[in-house]
Amino acid sequence: MNPQLKAKIIKICDEKIEKKGINVGLSFYAFFSNTNDDPKTLMEVATWWIETEKLNHFEKAIRIKTLIQALQ
């Protein structure tokens, strides 16, 4: 995952946590606009979320942030 995408995901997780609290849940769609204008990146995140990490549809933002920060 490229550094810009990682930074975007962390930023969105931080924003959601700040607005809704530490227990807020997200799906990978939270990192994209409602239009499918970047299908390659959407599939990259979906593959990481579903196949690599085997996450549920909704996961706590704090967990996603921690997993992203741990990526090399």
Protein backbone atom coordinates (compact mmCIF):
# COMPACT_ATOMS: atom_id res chain seq x y z
CA MET A 1 0.00 0.00 0.00
CA ASN A 2 1.47 3.33 -1.01
CA PRO A 3 2.31 5.99 1.60
CA GLN A 4 -0.35 8.44 0.36
CA LEU A 5 -3.11 5.86 0.72
CA LYS A 6 -1.89 4.83 4.16
CA ALA A 7 -1.86 8.50 5.25
CA LYS A 8 -5.39 9.01 3.89
CA ILE A 9 -6.72 5.97 5.77
CA ILE A 10 -5.07 7.06 9.03
CA LYS A 11 -6.44 10.60 8.60
CA ILE A 12 -9.98 9.33 8.04
CA CYS A 13 -9.73 6.98 11.02
CA ASP A 14 -8.54 9.86 13.20
CA GLU A 15 -11.38 12.10 11.99
CA LYS A 16 -14.03 9.44 12.65
CA ILE A 17 -12.61 8.67 16.10
CA GLU A 18 -12.56 12.37 16.97
CA LYS A 19 -16.18 12.87 15.83
CA LYS A 20 -17.80 9.65 17.04
CA GLY A 21 -15.52 8.23 19.72
CA ILE A 22 -13.06 5.39 20.15
CA ASN A 23 -15.60 2.67 19.37
CA VAL A 24 -16.58 3.96 15.94
CA GLY A 25 -16.69 1.30 13.24
CA LEU A 26 -15.80 1.68 9.57
CA SER A 27 -16.00 -0.32 6.39
CA PHE A 28 -13.36 0.01 3.70
CA TYR A 29 -15.83 2.14 1.72
CA ALA A 30 -15.25 4.94 4.26
CA PHE A 31 -11.99 5.76 2.49
CA PHE A 32 -13.60 6.43 -0.89
CA SER A 33 -16.12 8.82 -2.40
CA ASN A 34 -19.57 7.59 -3.38
CA THR A 35 -18.49 7.46 -7.01
CA ASN A 36 -16.30 4.68 -8.28
CA ASP A 37 -13.62 6.98 -9.65
CA ASP A 38 -10.62 4.91 -8.52
CA PRO A 39 -11.47 1.22 -8.90
CA LYS A 40 -7.83 0.06 -8.76
CA THR A 41 -7.26 1.61 -5.32
CA LEU A 42 -10.67 0.47 -4.10
CA MET A 43 -9.77 -3.11 -5.04
CA GLU A 44 -6.36 -2.77 -3.39
CA VAL A 45 -7.95 -1.75 -0.09
CA ALA A 46 -10.75 -4.32 -0.44
CA THR A 47 -8.22 -7.10 -1.05
CA TRP A 48 -6.14 -6.02 1.95
CA TRP A 49 -9.27 -5.75 4.13
CA ILE A 50 -11.00 -8.99 3.06
CA GLU A 51 -8.31 -11.40 1.90
CA THR A 52 -5.15 -10.31 3.71
CA GLU A 53 -6.51 -9.21 7.09
CA LYS A 54 -9.79 -11.20 6.96
CA LEU A 55 -11.65 -8.33 8.61
CA ASN A 56 -15.41 -8.13 9.12
CA HIS A 57 -17.43 -5.68 7.07
CA PHE A 58 -17.27 -3.14 9.91
CA GLU A 59 -14.20 -2.84 12.12
CA LYS A 60 -13.20 -0.34 14.77
CA ALA A 61 -11.34 2.62 13.30
CA ILE A 62 -8.64 2.30 15.96
CA ARG A 63 -7.92 -1.27 14.83
CA ILE A 64 -7.70 -0.23 11.17
CA LYS A 65 -5.35 2.62 12.08
CA THR A 66 -3.11 0.25 14.05
CA LEU A 67 -3.00 -2.29 11.21
CA ILE A 68 -2.17 0.39 8.64
CA GLN A 69 0.57 1.86 10.83
CA ALA A 70 2.12 -1.60 11.16
CA LEU A 71 2.45 -2.06 7.37
CA GLN A 72 6.02 -1.87 6.12
